[in-house]
Amino acid sequence: MGRPLFIVPTIKATKDCIKISTAHYGKLHHKNGPANAFRHALWNYLIAKRCLKWNKKEAVATDWAKKVTDWHEEAFPNKALAKAMDLHNNAVGRFIFEGNSEKSEKEIISILQKMTLESIKIEETTHLSALKDQLVHIIES
């Protein structure tokens, strides 16, 4: 993957993401509902934000977050709709980062919590490209 300085911040971002998601949503973030959408978006945001400290280019940080989280989706296969949902919510997290990299993590958590309340339930026929700035989920929780 080629970015050794990004390994430690990526691991820390991953651990912190789980801790934050559990603090706000309990175990619900392990299901395919709105809390899971929050976790995926936050994970991508945190990876990009933490890696930005090591490379001051937002595009490099977001590309890394995409590589890591895309790899995760390939390494741990999911059903097609769940995979599409995860990849979409990952992209939303990077989209939020790109417009808000100067904001604190606390501010972003608040933004993502609001977005989680407005998360859209999707089905196989949903066109995700029309929802590029919205979180999505499969099950109600």
N, C-alpha and C. Protein backbone atom coordinates (compact mmCIF):
# COMPACT_ATOMS: atom_id res chain seq x y z
N MET A 1 0.83 -1.20 0.00
CA MET A 1 0.00 0.00 0.00
C MET A 1 0.87 1.25 0.00
N GLY A 2 2.08 1.17 0.52
CA GLY A 2 3.05 2.22 0.29
C GLY A 2 3.07 3.45 1.18
N ARG A 3 2.46 3.46 2.32
CA ARG A 3 2.47 4.63 3.20
C ARG A 3 2.74 4.20 4.64
N PRO A 4 3.97 3.83 4.96
CA PRO A 4 4.25 3.31 6.31
C PRO A 4 3.92 4.28 7.44
N LEU A 5 4.05 5.59 7.20
CA LEU A 5 3.72 6.55 8.26
C LEU A 5 2.22 6.61 8.56
N PHE A 6 1.41 6.07 7.67
CA PHE A 6 -0.04 6.09 7.86
C PHE A 6 -0.55 4.88 8.65
N ILE A 7 0.29 3.88 8.87
CA ILE A 7 -0.17 2.65 9.53
C ILE A 7 -0.66 2.91 10.96
N VAL A 8 0.16 3.56 11.77
CA VAL A 8 -0.21 3.80 13.18
C VAL A 8 -1.45 4.69 13.28
N PRO A 9 -1.52 5.84 12.56
CA PRO A 9 -2.75 6.63 12.66
C PRO A 9 -4.00 5.89 12.16
N THR A 10 -3.82 5.00 11.20
CA THR A 10 -4.96 4.22 10.69
C THR A 10 -5.46 3.24 11.75
N ILE A 11 -4.53 2.57 12.42
CA ILE A 11 -4.92 1.63 13.48
C ILE A 11 -5.60 2.39 14.63
N LYS A 12 -5.02 3.53 15.02
CA LYS A 12 -5.61 4.32 16.10
C LYS A 12 -6.99 4.84 15.70
N ALA A 13 -7.14 5.30 14.46
CA ALA A 13 -8.43 5.77 13.97
C ALA A 13 -9.47 4.65 14.01
N THR A 14 -9.05 3.45 13.65
CA THR A 14 -9.96 2.31 13.65
C THR A 14 -10.42 1.99 15.06
N LYS A 15 -9.48 1.92 16.00
CA LYS A 15 -9.83 1.63 17.39
C LYS A 15 -10.73 2.73 17.97
N ASP A 16 -10.39 3.99 17.71
CA ASP A 16 -11.19 5.10 18.23
C ASP A 16 -12.58 5.10 17.61
N CYS A 17 -12.67 4.76 16.35
CA CYS A 17 -13.98 4.71 15.67
C CYS A 17 -14.89 3.70 16.35
N ILE A 18 -14.36 2.53 16.65
CA ILE A 18 -15.16 1.49 17.33
C ILE A 18 -15.59 1.99 18.71
N LYS A 19 -14.65 2.59 19.43
CA LYS A 19 -14.94 3.10 20.78
C LYS A 19 -16.04 4.18 20.74
N ILE A 20 -15.92 5.12 19.82
CA ILE A 20 -16.89 6.21 19.68
C ILE A 20 -18.25 5.65 19.26
N SER A 21 -18.25 4.76 18.29
CA SER A 21 -19.51 4.18 17.80
C SER A 21 -20.22 3.40 18.90
N THR A 22 -19.46 2.65 19.68
CA THR A 22 -20.04 1.90 20.79
C THR A 22 -20.58 2.85 21.86
N ALA A 23 -19.86 3.92 22.14
CA ALA A 23 -20.31 4.89 23.15
C ALA A 23 -21.63 5.53 22.75
N HIS A 24 -21.82 5.78 21.45
CA HIS A 24 -23.04 6.46 21.00
C HIS A 24 -24.18 5.51 20.63
N TYR A 25 -23.84 4.30 20.17
CA TYR A 25 -24.88 3.42 19.64
C TYR A 25 -24.87 2.00 20.22
N GLY A 26 -24.01 1.73 21.19
CA GLY A 26 -23.94 0.38 21.72
C GLY A 26 -23.54 -0.61 20.63
N LYS A 27 -24.14 -1.78 20.64
CA LYS A 27 -23.80 -2.80 19.65
C LYS A 27 -24.52 -2.61 18.33
N LEU A 28 -25.41 -1.64 18.24
CA LEU A 28 -26.17 -1.43 17.01
C LEU A 28 -25.28 -1.14 15.80
N HIS A 29 -24.09 -0.61 16.04
CA HIS A 29 -23.23 -0.28 14.90
C HIS A 29 -22.67 -1.52 14.21
N HIS A 30 -22.91 -2.71 14.78
CA HIS A 30 -22.48 -3.95 14.14
C HIS A 30 -23.55 -4.52 13.21
N LYS A 31 -24.73 -3.91 13.20
CA LYS A 31 -25.81 -4.35 12.32
C LYS A 31 -25.84 -3.43 11.09
N ASN A 32 -26.69 -3.68 10.14
CA ASN A 32 -26.72 -2.89 8.90
C ASN A 32 -27.73 -1.74 8.96
N GLY A 33 -27.81 -1.09 10.13
CA GLY A 33 -28.73 0.02 10.30
C GLY A 33 -28.01 1.36 10.28
N PRO A 34 -28.70 2.41 10.68
CA PRO A 34 -28.12 3.76 10.69
C PRO A 34 -26.83 3.87 11.52
N ALA A 35 -26.73 3.17 12.63
CA ALA A 35 -25.53 3.24 13.46
C ALA A 35 -24.31 2.70 12.71
N ASN A 36 -24.53 1.70 11.87
CA ASN A 36 -23.45 1.15 11.05
C ASN A 36 -23.01 2.19 10.01
N ALA A 37 -23.97 2.92 9.46
CA ALA A 37 -23.65 3.99 8.50
C ALA A 37 -22.76 5.03 9.18
N PHE A 38 -23.13 5.41 10.40
CA PHE A 38 -22.32 6.35 11.18
C PHE A 38 -20.90 5.84 11.32
N ARG A 39 -20.76 4.56 11.72
CA ARG A 39 -19.43 4.00 11.96
C ARG A 39 -18.57 4.02 10.70
N HIS A 40 -19.13 3.63 9.58
CA HIS A 40 -18.34 3.60 8.34
C HIS A 40 -17.91 5.01 7.92
N ALA A 41 -18.81 5.96 8.01
CA ALA A 41 -18.45 7.33 7.64
C ALA A 41 -17.41 7.90 8.60
N LEU A 42 -17.61 7.67 9.90
CA LEU A 42 -16.65 8.16 10.88
C LEU A 42 -15.28 7.51 10.68
N TRP A 43 -15.25 6.22 10.39
CA TRP A 43 -14.00 5.51 10.18
C TRP A 43 -13.18 6.17 9.06
N ASN A 44 -13.83 6.43 7.95
CA ASN A 44 -13.13 7.06 6.82
C ASN A 44 -12.68 8.46 7.16
N TYR A 45 -13.55 9.22 7.82
CA TYR A 45 -13.18 10.57 8.24
C TYR A 45 -11.95 10.53 9.15
N LEU A 46 -11.99 9.66 10.18
CA LEU A 46 -10.89 9.60 11.14
C LEU A 46 -9.58 9.16 10.50
N ILE A 47 -9.63 8.18 9.61
CA ILE A 47 -8.40 7.76 8.94
C ILE A 47 -7.81 8.94 8.17
N ALA A 48 -8.63 9.61 7.38
CA ALA A 48 -8.13 10.74 6.58
C ALA A 48 -7.62 11.86 7.49
N LYS A 49 -8.36 12.20 8.52
CA LYS A 49 -7.98 13.29 9.43
C LYS A 49 -6.66 12.98 10.13
N ARG A 50 -6.53 11.78 10.63
CA ARG A 50 -5.31 11.42 11.37
C ARG A 50 -4.10 11.31 10.44
N CYS A 51 -4.32 10.85 9.22
CA CYS A 51 -3.20 10.74 8.27
C CYS A 51 -2.79 12.09 7.70
N LEU A 52 -3.69 13.05 7.72
CA LEU A 52 -3.38 14.39 7.22
C LEU A 52 -2.24 15.02 8.02
N LYS A 53 -2.09 14.61 9.26
CA LYS A 53 -0.99 15.13 10.09
C LYS A 53 0.37 14.71 9.55
N TRP A 54 0.42 13.59 8.82
CA TRP A 54 1.68 13.06 8.30
C TRP A 54 1.93 13.46 6.85
N ASN A 55 0.89 13.89 6.16
CA ASN A 55 1.01 14.35 4.78
C ASN A 55 -0.04 15.43 4.61
N LYS A 56 0.36 16.63 4.36
CA LYS A 56 -0.54 17.78 4.40
C LYS A 56 -1.49 17.88 3.20
N LYS A 57 -1.51 16.87 2.36
CA LYS A 57 -2.39 16.90 1.18
C LYS A 57 -3.65 16.10 1.46
N GLU A 58 -4.79 16.78 1.44
CA GLU A 58 -6.06 16.10 1.70
C GLU A 58 -6.29 14.94 0.75
N ALA A 59 -5.95 15.13 -0.53
CA ALA A 59 -6.19 14.07 -1.52
C ALA A 59 -5.40 12.81 -1.19
N VAL A 60 -4.19 12.96 -0.69
CA VAL A 60 -3.38 11.79 -0.32
C VAL A 60 -4.04 11.06 0.86
N ALA A 61 -4.51 11.83 1.83
CA ALA A 61 -5.15 11.23 3.01
C ALA A 61 -6.46 10.53 2.64
N THR A 62 -7.26 11.14 1.79
CA THR A 62 -8.53 10.51 1.40
C THR A 62 -8.29 9.30 0.50
N ASP A 63 -7.28 9.37 -0.36
CA ASP A 63 -6.94 8.20 -1.20
C ASP A 63 -6.53 7.03 -0.32
N TRP A 64 -5.76 7.32 0.72
CA TRP A 64 -5.34 6.27 1.65
C TRP A 64 -6.56 5.67 2.36
N ALA A 65 -7.43 6.52 2.86
CA ALA A 65 -8.64 6.03 3.55
C ALA A 65 -9.45 5.13 2.62
N LYS A 66 -9.57 5.53 1.37
CA LYS A 66 -10.30 4.72 0.39
C LYS A 66 -9.62 3.38 0.18
N LYS A 67 -8.29 3.39 0.01
CA LYS A 67 -7.56 2.13 -0.20
C LYS A 67 -7.77 1.17 0.97
N VAL A 68 -7.62 1.68 2.18
CA VAL A 68 -7.73 0.84 3.37
C VAL A 68 -9.14 0.27 3.51
N THR A 69 -10.14 1.13 3.37
CA THR A 69 -11.52 0.67 3.61
C THR A 69 -12.06 -0.15 2.44
N ASP A 70 -11.62 0.14 1.20
CA ASP A 70 -11.98 -0.72 0.07
C ASP A 70 -11.36 -2.11 0.26
N TRP A 71 -10.09 -2.14 0.72
CA TRP A 71 -9.42 -3.42 0.97
C TRP A 71 -10.22 -4.21 2.02
N HIS A 72 -10.66 -3.53 3.06
CA HIS A 72 -11.43 -4.19 4.12
C HIS A 72 -12.68 -4.85 3.53
N GLU A 73 -13.38 -4.16 2.65
CA GLU A 73 -14.60 -4.71 2.06
C GLU A 73 -14.31 -5.91 1.17
N GLU A 74 -13.15 -5.93 0.54
CA GLU A 74 -12.76 -7.08 -0.30
C GLU A 74 -12.27 -8.25 0.57
N ALA A 75 -11.54 -7.93 1.63
CA ALA A 75 -10.97 -8.98 2.50
C ALA A 75 -12.02 -9.69 3.34
N PHE A 76 -13.09 -8.96 3.67
CA PHE A 76 -14.16 -9.53 4.50
C PHE A 76 -15.46 -9.41 3.73
N PRO A 77 -15.68 -10.31 2.77
CA PRO A 77 -16.83 -10.20 1.87
C PRO A 77 -18.18 -10.16 2.59
N ASN A 78 -19.08 -9.45 1.98
CA ASN A 78 -20.41 -9.21 2.50
C ASN A 78 -21.40 -9.47 1.38
N LYS A 79 -22.67 -9.55 1.69
CA LYS A 79 -23.69 -9.64 0.63
C LYS A 79 -23.63 -8.36 -0.20
N ALA A 80 -24.07 -8.44 -1.44
CA ALA A 80 -23.92 -7.33 -2.39
C ALA A 80 -24.49 -6.01 -1.88
N LEU A 81 -25.71 -6.03 -1.34
CA LEU A 81 -26.32 -4.79 -0.88
C LEU A 81 -25.58 -4.22 0.33
N ALA A 82 -25.18 -5.09 1.25
CA ALA A 82 -24.44 -4.63 2.43
C ALA A 82 -23.08 -4.05 2.02
N LYS A 83 -22.43 -4.67 1.05
CA LYS A 83 -21.15 -4.16 0.56
C LYS A 83 -21.35 -2.80 -0.09
N ALA A 84 -22.36 -2.67 -0.92
CA ALA A 84 -22.65 -1.38 -1.58
C ALA A 84 -22.94 -0.31 -0.54
N MET A 85 -23.69 -0.66 0.50
CA MET A 85 -23.99 0.28 1.58
C MET A 85 -22.71 0.72 2.27
N ASP A 86 -21.85 -0.24 2.62
CA ASP A 86 -20.60 0.09 3.31
C ASP A 86 -19.71 0.98 2.45
N LEU A 87 -19.54 0.63 1.19
CA LEU A 87 -18.70 1.44 0.30
C LEU A 87 -19.27 2.85 0.15
N HIS A 88 -20.59 2.94 0.08
CA HIS A 88 -21.24 4.25 -0.03
C HIS A 88 -20.99 5.09 1.22
N ASN A 89 -21.22 4.51 2.39
CA ASN A 89 -21.03 5.26 3.63
C ASN A 89 -19.57 5.61 3.86
N ASN A 90 -18.65 4.74 3.42
CA ASN A 90 -17.23 5.07 3.47
C ASN A 90 -16.97 6.34 2.64
N ALA A 91 -17.54 6.38 1.44
CA ALA A 91 -17.35 7.54 0.54
C ALA A 91 -17.95 8.80 1.16
N VAL A 92 -19.08 8.66 1.84
CA VAL A 92 -19.69 9.82 2.51
C VAL A 92 -18.74 10.36 3.57
N GLY A 93 -18.10 9.49 4.32
CA GLY A 93 -17.13 9.93 5.33
C GLY A 93 -15.98 10.71 4.72
N ARG A 94 -15.50 10.25 3.58
CA ARG A 94 -14.41 10.97 2.90
C ARG A 94 -14.91 12.30 2.34
N PHE A 95 -16.15 12.31 1.84
CA PHE A 95 -16.77 13.54 1.34
C PHE A 95 -16.88 14.57 2.47
N ILE A 96 -17.30 14.14 3.64
CA ILE A 96 -17.41 15.02 4.81
C ILE A 96 -16.03 15.55 5.18
N PHE A 97 -15.02 14.69 5.15
CA PHE A 97 -13.65 15.11 5.46
C PHE A 97 -13.19 16.21 4.50
N GLU A 98 -13.42 16.00 3.22
CA GLU A 98 -12.94 16.94 2.21
C GLU A 98 -13.51 18.35 2.41
N GLY A 99 -14.70 18.45 2.91
CA GLY A 99 -15.29 19.77 3.12
C GLY A 99 -15.12 20.32 4.52
N ASN A 100 -14.56 19.48 5.42
CA ASN A 100 -14.51 19.87 6.83
C ASN A 100 -13.23 19.44 7.53
N SER A 101 -12.13 19.37 6.83
CA SER A 101 -10.90 18.84 7.43
C SER A 101 -10.39 19.70 8.58
N GLU A 102 -10.80 20.97 8.61
CA GLU A 102 -10.34 21.87 9.68
C GLU A 102 -11.18 21.76 10.95
N LYS A 103 -12.33 21.11 10.84
CA LYS A 103 -13.21 20.99 12.02
C LYS A 103 -12.67 19.95 12.99
N SER A 104 -13.06 20.08 14.25
CA SER A 104 -12.64 19.11 15.26
C SER A 104 -13.39 17.80 15.08
N GLU A 105 -12.81 16.75 15.62
CA GLU A 105 -13.48 15.45 15.56
C GLU A 105 -14.82 15.50 16.28
N LYS A 106 -14.89 16.25 17.36
CA LYS A 106 -16.15 16.38 18.11
C LYS A 106 -17.24 17.01 17.22
N GLU A 107 -16.86 18.04 16.46
CA GLU A 107 -17.82 18.69 15.55
C GLU A 107 -18.29 17.70 14.48
N ILE A 108 -17.37 16.91 13.96
CA ILE A 108 -17.72 15.95 12.91
C ILE A 108 -18.63 14.85 13.47
N ILE A 109 -18.35 14.40 14.67
CA ILE A 109 -19.22 13.39 15.30
C ILE A 109 -20.65 13.93 15.39
N SER A 110 -20.78 15.19 15.76
CA SER A 110 -22.10 15.81 15.85
C SER A 110 -22.77 15.87 14.47
N ILE A 111 -22.02 16.26 13.45
CA ILE A 111 -22.56 16.31 12.08
C ILE A 111 -23.01 14.91 11.65
N LEU A 112 -22.16 13.92 11.91
CA LEU A 112 -22.50 12.55 11.50
C LEU A 112 -23.68 11.99 12.28
N GLN A 113 -23.82 12.37 13.54
CA GLN A 113 -24.98 11.93 14.32
C GLN A 113 -26.27 12.48 13.72
N LYS A 114 -26.24 13.74 13.31
CA LYS A 114 -27.41 14.34 12.66
C LYS A 114 -27.71 13.61 11.34
N MET A 115 -26.66 13.34 10.58
CA MET A 115 -26.83 12.61 9.32
C MET A 115 -27.38 11.20 9.57
N THR A 116 -26.98 10.59 10.68
CA THR A 116 -27.44 9.25 11.02
C THR A 116 -28.95 9.25 11.24
N LEU A 117 -29.44 10.30 11.88
CA LEU A 117 -30.89 10.42 12.11
C LEU A 117 -31.66 10.53 10.79
N GLU A 118 -30.98 11.02 9.76
CA GLU A 118 -31.61 11.22 8.44
C GLU A 118 -31.20 10.15 7.43
N SER A 119 -30.54 9.09 7.92
CA SER A 119 -30.07 8.01 7.03
C SER A 119 -31.25 7.42 6.26
N ILE A 120 -30.99 7.07 5.01
CA ILE A 120 -32.03 6.58 4.11
C ILE A 120 -31.97 5.06 3.99
N LYS A 121 -33.10 4.40 4.14
CA LYS A 121 -33.15 2.95 3.97
C LYS A 121 -33.10 2.64 2.47
N ILE A 122 -32.19 1.74 2.09
CA ILE A 122 -32.04 1.40 0.68
C ILE A 122 -32.44 -0.04 0.42
N GLU A 123 -32.66 -0.31 -0.88
CA GLU A 123 -32.96 -1.66 -1.36
C GLU A 123 -32.08 -1.92 -2.57
N GLU A 124 -32.18 -3.11 -3.13
CA GLU A 124 -31.37 -3.48 -4.30
C GLU A 124 -31.54 -2.48 -5.45
N THR A 125 -32.72 -1.91 -5.59
CA THR A 125 -33.00 -1.03 -6.73
C THR A 125 -32.64 0.44 -6.49
N THR A 126 -32.17 0.78 -5.29
CA THR A 126 -31.83 2.17 -4.98
C THR A 126 -30.61 2.62 -5.77
N HIS A 127 -30.69 3.81 -6.34
CA HIS A 127 -29.56 4.40 -7.06
C HIS A 127 -28.73 5.21 -6.06
N LEU A 128 -27.65 4.61 -5.59
CA LEU A 128 -26.83 5.25 -4.56
C LEU A 128 -26.17 6.54 -5.05
N SER A 129 -25.93 6.65 -6.33
CA SER A 129 -25.27 7.86 -6.85
C SER A 129 -26.11 9.11 -6.58
N ALA A 130 -27.40 8.96 -6.43
CA ALA A 130 -28.27 10.10 -6.14
C ALA A 130 -28.21 10.50 -4.66
N LEU A 131 -27.55 9.69 -3.84
CA LEU A 131 -27.50 9.92 -2.39
C LEU A 131 -26.07 10.16 -1.92
N LYS A 132 -25.22 10.74 -2.77
CA LYS A 132 -23.78 10.80 -2.48
C LYS A 132 -23.41 11.55 -1.20
N ASP A 133 -24.28 12.43 -0.72
CA ASP A 133 -23.96 13.16 0.51
C ASP A 133 -24.87 12.75 1.67
N GLN A 134 -25.46 11.54 1.58
CA GLN A 134 -26.35 11.05 2.63
C GLN A 134 -25.94 9.65 3.07
N LEU A 135 -26.08 9.39 4.34
CA LEU A 135 -25.84 8.05 4.86
C LEU A 135 -27.00 7.15 4.48
N VAL A 136 -26.70 5.86 4.32
CA VAL A 136 -27.74 4.89 3.96
C VAL A 136 -27.63 3.65 4.84
N HIS A 137 -28.74 2.93 4.95
CA HIS A 137 -28.78 1.71 5.74
C HIS A 137 -29.72 0.71 5.11
N ILE A 138 -29.67 -0.54 5.58
CA ILE A 138 -30.52 -1.60 5.04
C ILE A 138 -31.65 -1.94 6.00
N ILE A 139 -31.33 -2.01 7.28
CA ILE A 139 -32.35 -2.38 8.27
C ILE A 139 -32.63 -1.23 9.22
N GLU A 140 -33.84 -1.17 9.70
CA GLU A 140 -34.19 -0.19 10.73
C GLU A 140 -33.71 -0.75 12.07
N SER A 141 -33.25 0.13 12.94
CA SER A 141 -32.82 -0.39 14.24
C SER A 141 -33.35 0.45 15.37
